[in-house]
Amino acid sequence: MSRRTVTAAALVLVATLLLTGCGEGEPTEGPVGPPSTRGGEAPAPGSPFWVDPESDAARQVRQYEAQGRTEDARILRRIAERPVADWPAGDDPVPEITRAVRGASAADRTAVFVAYNIPHRDCGAYSAGGAHDGRAYREWVDAFATAIGDASAVVVLEPDAVPHVVDGCTPSQYHGERYELLAGAVARLKRQPRTRVYLDAGNPAWIDDPGKLVEPLRRAGVAHADGFSLNVSNFQRDDVVRHFGATLSGLLGGAHFTVDTSRNGDGPLPGGRADAWCNPPGRALGVPPTDRTGDPLVDAYLWIKRPGDSDGQCRGGPAAGTWWPDYALGLARRARS
């Protein structure tokens, strides 16, 4: 999926203005301060999120062990043994959601999902696709919500959908329908008794002015959601994202938010190079998923982008969303152990 970036000069300005905030510490049991921007620490005791024993990373660990690659297997467990969001694909999300909620419920954990099927998705770029039309999307969301049932779940709703309206990538003739579909999706998902919904709001290197997101998020139903999500599939540092999120929260009456920390352990690719969002080299895992964030506005740090899934066919990567073990191993190897 595409992740728009700003110029190098703008990034330098943002860093200069925002990095003067709170320093980064280690993940803690209570709200004593923000966690590190680097990954590799053990999950916080009592982490509520489900770890999928059949994830691509878990299967890769078993393959490495069978091949005698014991050190690679050890390193990749930094991904395989942590909770990662599930992105149900295709026209029928029910089988994948059913499998996840059964596993999570048996372990007394919360399943994390991404609903990513809006019509005209990703402006026809690497992650093009989505439902054929509005009716198909409503039916898909209904099936999605029904499959969750009364299980404990977090749903990050439609990465890119609102920011692509704001930046003009999505043609104007689709804006009204998109807002209606998103608001309807929020309402439908919130009918499930233990489902929390976070409407995606991009990242601070894409939509650099939080004020531009306020009215679009309101039209998309954020007031009826549990908040908004930031940094999905991107690499912006936690302190920058928290500052941006706090500003946006203030404009939305105190809305809470989540942060994708799956690959931001070393921040974004330096220099603001073209396609810095797409399989950038040298990145690292970020803070392990936890709801103990030390920030009253941040409900959770989550691994929304599955570490090791390609962003698209750039820098030698496979198709978007395809497991890429070499990239995953690099992310894990550069994380703090």
C-alpha atoms as a PDB file:
ATOM      1  CA  MET A   1       0.000   0.000   0.000  1.00  0.00           C
ATOM      2  CA  SER A   2       1.313   3.444  -0.726  1.00  0.00           C
ATOM      3  CA  ARG A   3       2.732   5.698   1.945  1.00  0.00           C
ATOM      4  CA  ARG A   4       3.295   9.268   0.816  1.00  0.00           C
ATOM      5  CA  THR A   5       6.322  11.072   2.178  1.00  0.00           C
ATOM      6  CA  VAL A   6       7.428  14.653   2.360  1.00  0.00           C
ATOM      7  CA  THR A   7      10.603  16.186   1.039  1.00  0.00           C
ATOM      8  CA  ALA A   8      13.869  15.893   2.872  1.00  0.00           C
ATOM      9  CA  ALA A   9      13.664  19.519   3.920  1.00  0.00           C
ATOM     10  CA  ALA A  10      10.243  19.021   5.419  1.00  0.00           C
ATOM     11  CA  LEU A  11      11.392  15.955   7.266  1.00  0.00           C
ATOM     12  CA  VAL A  12      14.309  17.846   8.729  1.00  0.00           C
ATOM     13  CA  LEU A  13      11.958  20.593   9.878  1.00  0.00           C
ATOM     14  CA  VAL A  14       9.571  18.103  11.464  1.00  0.00           C
ATOM     15  CA  ALA A  15      12.417  16.366  13.230  1.00  0.00           C
ATOM     16  CA  THR A  16      13.806  19.659  14.494  1.00  0.00           C
ATOM     17  CA  LEU A  17      10.469  20.744  15.892  1.00  0.00           C
ATOM     18  CA  LEU A  18       9.291  17.465  17.326  1.00  0.00           C
ATOM     19  CA  LEU A  19      12.326  15.666  18.629  1.00  0.00           C
ATOM     20  CA  THR A  20      12.627  18.204  21.437  1.00  0.00           C
ATOM     21  CA  GLY A  21       9.852  16.353  23.252  1.00  0.00           C
ATOM     22  CA  CYS A  22      10.078  13.542  25.769  1.00  0.00           C
ATOM     23  CA  GLY A  23      12.922  11.082  25.449  1.00  0.00           C
ATOM     24  CA  GLU A  24      12.435   7.404  24.720  1.00  0.00           C
ATOM     25  CA  GLY A  25      12.664   4.888  27.542  1.00  0.00           C
ATOM     26  CA  GLU A  26      11.925   1.179  27.753  1.00  0.00           C
ATOM     27  CA  PRO A  27       8.398  -0.340  27.802  1.00  0.00           C
ATOM     28  CA  THR A  28       7.129  -0.429  31.366  1.00  0.00           C
ATOM     29  CA  GLU A  29       4.389  -1.927  33.490  1.00  0.00           C
ATOM     30  CA  GLY A  30       2.721   1.401  34.153  1.00  0.00           C
ATOM     31  CA  PRO A  31       2.422   4.962  32.870  1.00  0.00           C
ATOM     32  CA  VAL A  32       5.852   6.183  33.929  1.00  0.00           C
ATOM     33  CA  GLY A  33       7.000   7.304  30.507  1.00  0.00           C
ATOM     34  CA  PRO A  34       6.973   6.490  26.805  1.00  0.00           C
ATOM     35  CA  PRO A  35       8.635   3.320  25.530  1.00  0.00           C
ATOM     36  CA  SER A  36      11.696   2.960  23.339  1.00  0.00           C
ATOM     37  CA  THR A  37      11.514   3.427  19.596  1.00  0.00           C
ATOM     38  CA  ARG A  38      13.632   0.292  19.181  1.00  0.00           C
ATOM     39  CA  GLY A  39      12.221  -3.233  19.275  1.00  0.00           C
ATOM     40  CA  GLY A  40      13.320  -6.596  20.573  1.00  0.00           C
ATOM     41  CA  GLU A  41      12.221  -6.349  24.214  1.00  0.00           C
ATOM     42  CA  ALA A  42      10.083  -9.099  25.681  1.00  0.00           C
ATOM     43  CA  PRO A  43       6.336  -8.413  25.472  1.00  0.00           C
ATOM     44  CA  ALA A  44       4.907  -6.662  28.508  1.00  0.00           C
ATOM     45  CA  PRO A  45       3.624  -9.195  31.048  1.00  0.00           C
ATOM     46  CA  GLY A  46      -0.091  -9.672  30.570  1.00  0.00           C
ATOM     47  CA  SER A  47      -0.068  -8.346  26.996  1.00  0.00           C
ATOM     48  CA  PRO A  48      -3.663  -8.821  25.875  1.00  0.00           C
ATOM     49  CA  PHE A  49      -3.065  -9.517  22.179  1.00  0.00           C
ATOM     50  CA  TRP A  50      -3.117 -12.918  20.478  1.00  0.00           C
ATOM     51  CA  VAL A  51      -0.021 -14.469  18.923  1.00  0.00           C
ATOM     52  CA  ASP A  52      -0.851 -16.562  15.858  1.00  0.00           C
ATOM     53  CA  PRO A  53       1.046 -19.876  16.050  1.00  0.00           C
ATOM     54  CA  GLU A  54       0.531 -20.368  12.304  1.00  0.00           C
ATOM     55  CA  SER A  55       1.764 -16.979  11.111  1.00  0.00           C
ATOM     56  CA  ASP A  56       4.179 -16.745   8.191  1.00  0.00           C
ATOM     57  CA  ALA A  57       6.930 -15.914  10.668  1.00  0.00           C
ATOM     58  CA  ALA A  58       6.137 -18.936  12.838  1.00  0.00           C
ATOM     59  CA  ARG A  59       6.187 -21.246   9.823  1.00  0.00           C
ATOM     60  CA  GLN A  60       9.443 -19.671   8.683  1.00  0.00           C
ATOM     61  CA  VAL A  61      11.010 -20.350  12.090  1.00  0.00           C
ATOM     62  CA  ARG A  62      10.072 -24.018  11.785  1.00  0.00           C
ATOM     63  CA  GLN A  63      11.514 -24.136   8.281  1.00  0.00           C
ATOM     64  CA  TYR A  64      14.776 -22.566   9.414  1.00  0.00           C
ATOM     65  CA  GLU A  65      15.020 -25.085  12.260  1.00  0.00           C
ATOM     66  CA  ALA A  66      14.461 -27.967   9.846  1.00  0.00           C
ATOM     67  CA  GLN A  67      17.227 -26.575   7.639  1.00  0.00           C
ATOM     68  CA  GLY A  68      19.608 -26.290  10.567  1.00  0.00           C
ATOM     69  CA  ARG A  69      19.546 -22.476  10.476  1.00  0.00           C
ATOM     70  CA  THR A  70      19.209 -22.266  14.234  1.00  0.00           C
ATOM     71  CA  GLU A  71      20.548 -18.725  14.622  1.00  0.00           C
ATOM     72  CA  ASP A  72      18.189 -17.372  11.960  1.00  0.00           C
ATOM     73  CA  ALA A  73      15.315 -19.182  13.674  1.00  0.00           C
ATOM     74  CA  ARG A  74      16.266 -17.633  17.008  1.00  0.00           C
ATOM     75  CA  ILE A  75      16.331 -14.138  15.530  1.00  0.00           C
ATOM     76  CA  LEU A  76      13.049 -14.528  13.660  1.00  0.00           C
ATOM     77  CA  ARG A  77      11.268 -15.527  16.863  1.00  0.00           C
ATOM     78  CA  ARG A  78      11.346 -11.795  17.639  1.00  0.00           C
ATOM     79  CA  ILE A  79       8.498 -11.616  15.121  1.00  0.00           C
ATOM     80  CA  ALA A  80       6.968 -15.082  15.400  1.00  0.00           C
ATOM     81  CA  GLU A  81       6.415 -14.890  19.158  1.00  0.00           C
ATOM     82  CA  ARG A  82       4.709 -11.497  19.133  1.00  0.00           C
ATOM     83  CA  PRO A  83       1.145 -10.507  18.192  1.00  0.00           C
ATOM     84  CA  VAL A  84       0.692  -9.211  14.671  1.00  0.00           C
ATOM     85  CA  ALA A  85      -2.498  -7.949  13.004  1.00  0.00           C
ATOM     86  CA  ASP A  86      -4.473 -10.199  10.692  1.00  0.00           C
ATOM     87  CA  TRP A  87      -5.545  -8.750   7.309  1.00  0.00           C
ATOM     88  CA  PRO A  88      -8.427 -10.963   6.076  1.00  0.00           C
ATOM     89  CA  ALA A  89      -8.177 -11.025   2.296  1.00  0.00           C
ATOM     90  CA  GLY A  90     -10.564 -11.734  -0.534  1.00  0.00           C
ATOM     91  CA  ASP A  91     -14.304 -11.548  -0.884  1.00  0.00           C
ATOM     92  CA  ASP A  92     -14.958 -13.804   2.096  1.00  0.00           C
ATOM     93  CA  PRO A  93     -13.204 -12.710   5.317  1.00  0.00           C
ATOM     94  CA  VAL A  94     -15.123 -15.157   7.504  1.00  0.00           C
ATOM     95  CA  PRO A  95     -12.806 -18.233   7.537  1.00  0.00           C
ATOM     96  CA  GLU A  96      -9.718 -16.243   8.499  1.00  0.00           C
ATOM     97  CA  ILE A  97     -11.532 -14.195  11.140  1.00  0.00           C
ATOM     98  CA  THR A  98     -13.183 -17.292  12.587  1.00  0.00           C
ATOM     99  CA  ARG A  99      -9.815 -19.034  12.923  1.00  0.00           C
ATOM    100  CA  ALA A 100      -8.281 -15.999  14.627  1.00  0.00           C
ATOM    101  CA  VAL A 101     -11.093 -15.341  17.102  1.00  0.00           C
ATOM    102  CA  ARG A 102     -11.227 -19.005  18.072  1.00  0.00           C
ATOM    103  CA  GLY A 103      -7.505 -19.029  18.732  1.00  0.00           C
ATOM    104  CA  ALA A 104      -7.623 -15.740  20.619  1.00  0.00           C
ATOM    105  CA  SER A 105     -10.629 -16.731  22.692  1.00  0.00           C
ATOM    106  CA  ALA A 106      -9.039 -20.043  23.661  1.00  0.00           C
ATOM    107  CA  ALA A 107      -5.971 -18.129  24.853  1.00  0.00           C
ATOM    108  CA  ASP A 108      -8.062 -15.410  26.536  1.00  0.00           C
ATOM    109  CA  ARG A 109      -6.480 -12.805  24.288  1.00  0.00           C
ATOM    110  CA  THR A 110      -7.636 -10.042  21.932  1.00  0.00           C
ATOM    111  CA  ALA A 111      -7.421 -10.574  18.183  1.00  0.00           C
ATOM    112  CA  VAL A 112      -6.194  -7.637  16.091  1.00  0.00           C
ATOM    113  CA  PHE A 113      -7.551  -7.175  12.566  1.00  0.00           C
ATOM    114  CA  VAL A 114      -7.235  -4.757   9.690  1.00  0.00           C
ATOM    115  CA  ALA A 115     -10.312  -4.161   7.537  1.00  0.00           C
ATOM    116  CA  TYR A 116      -8.854  -3.269   4.135  1.00  0.00           C
ATOM    117  CA  ASN A 117     -11.348  -3.622   1.310  1.00  0.00           C
ATOM    118  CA  ILE A 118     -12.685  -0.136   0.506  1.00  0.00           C
ATOM    119  CA  PRO A 119     -13.643   0.387  -3.165  1.00  0.00           C
ATOM    120  CA  HIS A 120     -10.946   2.131  -5.251  1.00  0.00           C
ATOM    121  CA  ARG A 121      -8.358   1.063  -2.704  1.00  0.00           C
ATOM    122  CA  ASP A 122      -4.860   2.573  -2.828  1.00  0.00           C
ATOM    123  CA  CYS A 123      -5.695   4.682  -5.903  1.00  0.00           C
ATOM    124  CA  GLY A 124      -4.785   1.761  -8.143  1.00  0.00           C
ATOM    125  CA  ALA A 125      -1.200   1.522  -6.834  1.00  0.00           C
ATOM    126  CA  TYR A 126       0.605  -1.491  -5.333  1.00  0.00           C
ATOM    127  CA  SER A 127      -2.342  -2.510  -3.143  1.00  0.00           C
ATOM    128  CA  ALA A 128      -5.071  -1.778  -5.674  1.00  0.00           C
ATOM    129  CA  GLY A 129      -8.308  -3.691  -5.345  1.00  0.00           C
ATOM    130  CA  GLY A 130     -11.058  -3.649  -2.781  1.00  0.00           C
ATOM    131  CA  ALA A 131     -14.759  -4.320  -3.013  1.00  0.00           C
ATOM    132  CA  HIS A 132     -16.397  -3.962  -6.408  1.00  0.00           C
ATOM    133  CA  ASP A 133     -18.875  -1.343  -5.217  1.00  0.00           C
ATOM    134  CA  GLY A 134     -20.557   0.111  -2.148  1.00  0.00           C
ATOM    135  CA  ARG A 135     -23.082  -2.692  -1.812  1.00  0.00           C
ATOM    136  CA  ALA A 136     -20.366  -5.342  -1.932  1.00  0.00           C
ATOM    137  CA  TYR A 137     -18.387  -3.438   0.686  1.00  0.00           C
ATOM    138  CA  ARG A 138     -21.323  -3.206   3.085  1.00  0.00           C
ATOM    139  CA  GLU A 139     -21.906  -6.940   2.752  1.00  0.00           C
ATOM    140  CA  TRP A 140     -18.205  -7.608   3.344  1.00  0.00           C
ATOM    141  CA  VAL A 141     -18.152  -5.464   6.487  1.00  0.00           C
ATOM    142  CA  ASP A 142     -21.284  -7.159   7.778  1.00  0.00           C
ATOM    143  CA  ALA A 143     -19.687 -10.574   7.285  1.00  0.00           C
ATOM    144  CA  PHE A 144     -16.492  -9.308   8.937  1.00  0.00           C
ATOM    145  CA  ALA A 145     -18.342  -8.044  12.015  1.00  0.00           C
ATOM    146  CA  THR A 146     -20.571 -11.110  12.275  1.00  0.00           C
ATOM    147  CA  ALA A 147     -17.523 -13.374  12.225  1.00  0.00           C
ATOM    148  CA  ILE A 148     -15.995 -11.481  15.163  1.00  0.00           C
ATOM    149  CA  GLY A 149     -19.145 -12.063  17.175  1.00  0.00           C
ATOM    150  CA  ASP A 150     -18.715 -11.403  20.886  1.00  0.00           C
ATOM    151  CA  ALA A 151     -14.954 -12.056  20.868  1.00  0.00           C
ATOM    152  CA  SER A 152     -12.507  -9.418  22.072  1.00  0.00           C
ATOM    153  CA  ALA A 153     -11.110  -7.668  19.000  1.00  0.00           C
ATOM    154  CA  VAL A 154      -9.384  -4.536  17.758  1.00  0.00           C
ATOM    155  CA  VAL A 155     -10.064  -3.441  14.177  1.00  0.00           C
ATOM    156  CA  VAL A 156      -7.953  -0.877  12.357  1.00  0.00           C
ATOM    157  CA  LEU A 157     -10.312   0.391   9.693  1.00  0.00           C
ATOM    158  CA  GLU A 158      -9.182   1.011   6.115  1.00  0.00           C
ATOM    159  CA  PRO A 159      -5.570   2.162   6.055  1.00  0.00           C
ATOM    160  CA  ASP A 160      -5.083   5.037   3.590  1.00  0.00           C
ATOM    161  CA  ALA A 161      -8.785   5.573   2.893  1.00  0.00           C
ATOM    162  CA  VAL A 162      -9.130   8.962   4.621  1.00  0.00           C
ATOM    163  CA  PRO A 163      -5.609  10.260   3.838  1.00  0.00           C
ATOM    164  CA  HIS A 164      -6.101   9.438   0.161  1.00  0.00           C
ATOM    165  CA  VAL A 165      -9.148  11.683   0.181  1.00  0.00           C
ATOM    166  CA  VAL A 166      -7.194  14.444   1.908  1.00  0.00           C
ATOM    167  CA  ASP A 167      -4.207  14.310  -0.452  1.00  0.00           C
ATOM    168  CA  GLY A 168      -6.413  14.173  -3.553  1.00  0.00           C
ATOM    169  CA  CYS A 169      -5.256  10.767  -4.719  1.00  0.00           C
ATOM    170  CA  THR A 170      -8.797   9.374  -4.562  1.00  0.00           C
ATOM    171  CA  PRO A 171     -10.900  11.124  -7.263  1.00  0.00           C
ATOM    172  CA  SER A 172     -13.418  13.593  -5.907  1.00  0.00           C
ATOM    173  CA  GLN A 173     -16.423  11.721  -7.314  1.00  0.00           C
ATOM    174  CA  TYR A 174     -15.742   8.921  -4.827  1.00  0.00           C
ATOM    175  CA  HIS A 175     -15.368  11.063  -1.711  1.00  0.00           C
ATOM    176  CA  GLY A 176     -18.983  11.167  -0.624  1.00  0.00           C
ATOM    177  CA  GLU A 177     -19.479   7.437  -0.987  1.00  0.00           C
ATOM    178  CA  ARG A 178     -16.229   6.740   0.829  1.00  0.00           C
ATOM    179  CA  TYR A 179     -17.243   8.782   3.858  1.00  0.00           C
ATOM    180  CA  GLU A 180     -20.620   7.052   3.919  1.00  0.00           C
ATOM    181  CA  LEU A 181     -19.041   3.591   3.668  1.00  0.00           C
ATOM    182  CA  LEU A 182     -16.497   4.290   6.394  1.00  0.00           C
ATOM    183  CA  ALA A 183     -19.086   5.723   8.777  1.00  0.00           C
ATOM    184  CA  GLY A 184     -21.306   2.732   8.092  1.00  0.00           C
ATOM    185  CA  ALA A 185     -18.407   0.352   8.740  1.00  0.00           C
ATOM    186  CA  VAL A 186     -17.662   2.012  12.079  1.00  0.00           C
ATOM    187  CA  ALA A 187     -21.303   1.731  13.103  1.00  0.00           C
ATOM    188  CA  ARG A 188     -21.564  -1.912  12.015  1.00  0.00           C
ATOM    189  CA  LEU A 189     -18.369  -3.022  13.738  1.00  0.00           C
ATOM    190  CA  LYS A 190     -19.301  -1.198  16.935  1.00  0.00           C
ATOM    191  CA  ARG A 191     -22.430  -3.309  17.190  1.00  0.00           C
ATOM    192  CA  GLN A 192     -20.143  -6.127  18.313  1.00  0.00           C
ATOM    193  CA  PRO A 193     -19.980  -5.923  22.101  1.00  0.00           C
ATOM    194  CA  ARG A 194     -16.200  -6.291  22.550  1.00  0.00           C
ATOM    195  CA  THR A 195     -14.838  -4.776  19.351  1.00  0.00           C
ATOM    196  CA  ARG A 196     -12.772  -1.592  19.372  1.00  0.00           C
ATOM    197  CA  VAL A 197     -12.435   0.334  16.113  1.00  0.00           C
ATOM    198  CA  TYR A 198      -9.706   2.785  15.091  1.00  0.00           C
ATOM    199  CA  LEU A 199     -10.136   4.747  11.864  1.00  0.00           C
ATOM    200  CA  ASP A 200      -6.880   5.157   9.996  1.00  0.00           C
ATOM    201  CA  ALA A 201      -5.420   8.678   9.783  1.00  0.00           C
ATOM    202  CA  GLY A 202      -2.137   8.105   7.953  1.00  0.00           C
ATOM    203  CA  ASN A 203       1.151   9.353   9.354  1.00  0.00           C
ATOM    204  CA  PRO A 204       2.778  12.748  10.032  1.00  0.00           C
ATOM    205  CA  ALA A 205       5.133  12.493   7.050  1.00  0.00           C
ATOM    206  CA  TRP A 206       2.165  12.091   4.713  1.00  0.00           C
ATOM    207  CA  ILE A 207      -0.490  14.521   5.955  1.00  0.00           C
ATOM    208  CA  ASP A 208       1.750  16.965   7.782  1.00  0.00           C
ATOM    209  CA  ASP A 209      -1.043  19.239   9.051  1.00  0.00           C
ATOM    210  CA  PRO A 210      -3.363  17.420  11.503  1.00  0.00           C
ATOM    211  CA  GLY A 211      -6.034  20.035  10.879  1.00  0.00           C
ATOM    212  CA  LYS A 212      -6.548  18.703   7.349  1.00  0.00           C
ATOM    213  CA  LEU A 213      -7.732  15.397   8.785  1.00  0.00           C
ATOM    214  CA  VAL A 214     -10.300  16.691  11.241  1.00  0.00           C
ATOM    215  CA  GLU A 215     -13.353  17.152   9.039  1.00  0.00           C
ATOM    216  CA  PRO A 216     -12.656  14.054   6.896  1.00  0.00           C
ATOM    217  CA  LEU A 217     -12.335  11.896  10.000  1.00  0.00           C
ATOM    218  CA  ARG A 218     -15.533  13.337  11.419  1.00  0.00           C
ATOM    219  CA  ARG A 219     -17.392  12.606   8.183  1.00  0.00           C
ATOM    220  CA  ALA A 220     -15.955   9.087   8.268  1.00  0.00           C
ATOM    221  CA  GLY A 221     -17.448   8.431  11.709  1.00  0.00           C
ATOM    222  CA  VAL A 222     -14.525   8.834  14.086  1.00  0.00           C
ATOM    223  CA  ALA A 223     -16.835  10.154  16.823  1.00  0.00           C
ATOM    224  CA  HIS A 224     -18.476   6.722  16.987  1.00  0.00           C
ATOM    225  CA  ALA A 225     -15.187   4.810  16.823  1.00  0.00           C
ATOM    226  CA  ASP A 226     -12.756   4.236  19.677  1.00  0.00           C
ATOM    227  CA  GLY A 227     -10.309   6.611  18.035  1.00  0.00           C
ATOM    228  CA  PHE A 228      -7.893   6.718  15.113  1.00  0.00           C
ATOM    229  CA  SER A 229      -4.764   4.852  14.067  1.00  0.00           C
ATOM    230  CA  LEU A 230      -1.411   6.294  12.997  1.00  0.00           C
ATOM    231  CA  ASN A 231       1.749   5.139  11.233  1.00  0.00           C
ATOM    232  CA  VAL A 232       0.202   2.037   9.657  1.00  0.00           C
ATOM    233  CA  SER A 233       2.840   0.412   7.437  1.00  0.00           C
ATOM    234  CA  ASN A 234       5.139   3.385   7.942  1.00  0.00           C
ATOM    235  CA  PHE A 235       8.369   4.103   9.785  1.00  0.00           C
ATOM    236  CA  GLN A 236       7.888   7.398  11.641  1.00  0.00           C
ATOM    237  CA  ARG A 237       9.393   7.455  15.122  1.00  0.00           C
ATOM    238  CA  ASP A 238       7.159   7.086  18.143  1.00  0.00           C
ATOM    239  CA  ASP A 239       7.863  10.548  19.552  1.00  0.00           C
ATOM    240  CA  VAL A 240       6.980  12.219  16.242  1.00  0.00           C
ATOM    241  CA  VAL A 241       3.813  10.150  15.900  1.00  0.00           C
ATOM    242  CA  ARG A 242       2.715  10.787  19.485  1.00  0.00           C
ATOM    243  CA  HIS A 243       3.165  14.538  19.069  1.00  0.00           C
ATOM    244  CA  PHE A 244       1.140  14.504  15.846  1.00  0.00           C
ATOM    245  CA  GLY A 245      -1.497  12.257  17.425  1.00  0.00           C
ATOM    246  CA  ALA A 246      -1.842  14.454  20.493  1.00  0.00           C
ATOM    247  CA  THR A 247      -2.420  17.498  18.296  1.00  0.00           C
ATOM    248  CA  LEU A 248      -5.009  15.682  16.196  1.00  0.00           C
ATOM    249  CA  SER A 249      -6.637  14.313  19.344  1.00  0.00           C
ATOM    250  CA  GLY A 250      -7.022  17.836  20.694  1.00  0.00           C
ATOM    251  CA  LEU A 251      -8.757  18.898  17.498  1.00  0.00           C
ATOM    252  CA  LEU A 252     -11.102  15.917  17.803  1.00  0.00           C
ATOM    253  CA  GLY A 253     -12.120  16.499  21.403  1.00  0.00           C
ATOM    254  CA  GLY A 254      -9.660  14.123  23.042  1.00  0.00           C
ATOM    255  CA  ALA A 255      -9.912  11.072  20.772  1.00  0.00           C
ATOM    256  CA  HIS A 256      -7.502   8.256  21.599  1.00  0.00           C
ATOM    257  CA  PHE A 257      -5.262   6.548  19.055  1.00  0.00           C
ATOM    258  CA  THR A 258      -3.039   3.555  18.330  1.00  0.00           C
ATOM    259  CA  VAL A 259       0.429   3.549  16.768  1.00  0.00           C
ATOM    260  CA  ASP A 260       1.911   0.979  14.395  1.00  0.00           C
ATOM    261  CA  THR A 261       5.385   0.241  15.764  1.00  0.00           C
ATOM    262  CA  SER A 262       6.063  -2.828  13.633  1.00  0.00           C
ATOM    263  CA  ARG A 263       8.995  -1.418  11.649  1.00  0.00           C
ATOM    264  CA  ASN A 264       9.891   1.980  13.091  1.00  0.00           C
ATOM    265  CA  GLY A 265      12.725   0.924  15.397  1.00  0.00           C
ATOM    266  CA  ASP A 266      15.254   2.946  13.402  1.00  0.00           C
ATOM    267  CA  GLY A 267      12.805   5.531  12.080  1.00  0.00           C
ATOM    268  CA  PRO A 268      12.248   6.370   8.406  1.00  0.00           C
ATOM    269  CA  LEU A 269      14.790   6.000   5.632  1.00  0.00           C
ATOM    270  CA  PRO A 270      17.156   8.993   5.912  1.00  0.00           C
ATOM    271  CA  GLY A 271      17.226  11.646   3.234  1.00  0.00           C
ATOM    272  CA  GLY A 272      13.595  11.606   2.129  1.00  0.00           C
ATOM    273  CA  ARG A 273      14.396   9.476  -0.918  1.00  0.00           C
ATOM    274  CA  ALA A 274      11.691   8.606  -3.425  1.00  0.00           C
ATOM    275  CA  ASP A 275       9.429   5.755  -2.336  1.00  0.00           C
ATOM    276  CA  ALA A 276      10.932   5.844   1.158  1.00  0.00           C
ATOM    277  CA  TRP A 277       7.777   4.072   2.347  1.00  0.00           C
ATOM    278  CA  CYS A 278       8.310   1.025   0.102  1.00  0.00           C
ATOM    279  CA  ASN A 279      10.550  -1.735   1.472  1.00  0.00           C
ATOM    280  CA  PRO A 280      13.220   0.691   2.701  1.00  0.00           C
ATOM    281  CA  PRO A 281      16.493  -1.009   3.603  1.00  0.00           C
ATOM    282  CA  GLY A 282      18.107  -0.970   7.022  1.00  0.00           C
ATOM    283  CA  ARG A 283      14.920  -0.685   9.111  1.00  0.00           C
ATOM    284  CA  ALA A 284      14.240  -2.453  12.431  1.00  0.00           C
ATOM    285  CA  LEU A 285      11.374  -3.770  14.514  1.00  0.00           C
ATOM    286  CA  GLY A 286       9.844  -1.223  16.881  1.00  0.00           C
ATOM    287  CA  VAL A 287       8.284  -1.447  20.329  1.00  0.00           C
ATOM    288  CA  PRO A 288       6.580  -4.827  20.833  1.00  0.00           C
ATOM    289  CA  PRO A 289       2.780  -4.720  20.907  1.00  0.00           C
ATOM    290  CA  THR A 290       1.355  -3.636  24.230  1.00  0.00           C
ATOM    291  CA  ASP A 291      -1.503  -1.688  25.755  1.00  0.00           C
ATOM    292  CA  ARG A 292       0.832  -0.353  28.460  1.00  0.00           C
ATOM    293  CA  THR A 293       2.021   2.682  26.586  1.00  0.00           C
ATOM    294  CA  GLY A 294       2.655   5.202  29.345  1.00  0.00           C
ATOM    295  CA  ASP A 295       0.601   7.752  27.389  1.00  0.00           C
ATOM    296  CA  PRO A 296      -3.048   8.357  28.316  1.00  0.00           C
ATOM    297  CA  LEU A 297      -3.976   9.107  24.696  1.00  0.00           C
ATOM    298  CA  VAL A 298      -2.252   6.073  23.173  1.00  0.00           C
ATOM    299  CA  ASP A 299      -4.412   2.999  23.695  1.00  0.00           C
ATOM    300  CA  ALA A 300      -1.859   0.594  22.244  1.00  0.00           C
ATOM    301  CA  TYR A 301       1.315   0.110  20.308  1.00  0.00           C
ATOM    302  CA  LEU A 302       0.451  -2.508  17.688  1.00  0.00           C
ATOM    303  CA  TRP A 303       2.213  -4.353  14.896  1.00  0.00           C
ATOM    304  CA  ILE A 304      -0.359  -3.562  12.231  1.00  0.00           C
ATOM    305  CA  LYS A 305       1.878  -4.042   9.212  1.00  0.00           C
ATOM    306  CA  ARG A 306       3.061  -7.632   9.455  1.00  0.00           C
ATOM    307  CA  PRO A 307       6.852  -7.375   9.723  1.00  0.00           C
ATOM    308  CA  GLY A 308       8.236  -9.200   6.711  1.00  0.00           C
ATOM    309  CA  ASP A 309       5.292  -8.588   4.390  1.00  0.00           C
ATOM    310  CA  SER A 310       6.345  -6.676   1.288  1.00  0.00           C
ATOM    311  CA  ASP A 311       5.102  -3.140   0.640  1.00  0.00           C
ATOM    312  CA  GLY A 312       5.052  -3.826  -3.089  1.00  0.00           C
ATOM    313  CA  GLN A 313       7.242  -4.648  -6.059  1.00  0.00           C
ATOM    314  CA  CYS A 314       9.996  -2.188  -5.256  1.00  0.00           C
ATOM    315  CA  ARG A 315      13.592  -2.689  -4.140  1.00  0.00           C
ATOM    316  CA  GLY A 316      13.390  -6.326  -5.174  1.00  0.00           C
ATOM    317  CA  GLY A 317      10.266  -7.071  -3.150  1.00  0.00           C
ATOM    318  CA  PRO A 318       7.403  -9.380  -4.128  1.00  0.00           C
ATOM    319  CA  ALA A 319       3.799  -8.238  -4.527  1.00  0.00           C
ATOM    320  CA  ALA A 320       2.311  -6.149  -1.720  1.00  0.00           C
ATOM    321  CA  GLY A 321       1.338  -8.239   1.293  1.00  0.00           C
ATOM    322  CA  THR A 322       3.527 -11.198   0.290  1.00  0.00           C
ATOM    323  CA  TRP A 323       5.781 -12.726   2.934  1.00  0.00           C
ATOM    324  CA  TRP A 324       9.436 -11.849   2.288  1.00  0.00           C
ATOM    325  CA  PRO A 325      11.622 -13.818   4.733  1.00  0.00           C
ATOM    326  CA  ASP A 326      14.880 -12.015   3.967  1.00  0.00           C
ATOM    327  CA  TYR A 327      13.321  -8.632   4.761  1.00  0.00           C
ATOM    328  CA  ALA A 328      11.740 -10.038   7.913  1.00  0.00           C
ATOM    329  CA  LEU A 329      15.054 -11.435   9.058  1.00  0.00           C
ATOM    330  CA  GLY A 330      16.711  -8.050   8.527  1.00  0.00           C
ATOM    331  CA  LEU A 331      14.071  -6.256  10.588  1.00  0.00           C
ATOM    332  CA  ALA A 332      14.476  -8.770  13.408  1.00  0.00           C
ATOM    333  CA  ARG A 333      18.267  -8.835  13.269  1.00  0.00           C
ATOM    334  CA  ARG A 334      18.507  -5.049  13.653  1.00  0.00           C
ATOM    335  CA  ALA A 335      16.118  -4.962  16.614  1.00  0.00           C
ATOM    336  CA  ARG A 336      17.458  -4.891  20.145  1.00  0.00           C
ATOM    337  CA  SER A 337      17.523  -8.315  21.724  1.00  0.00           C
END
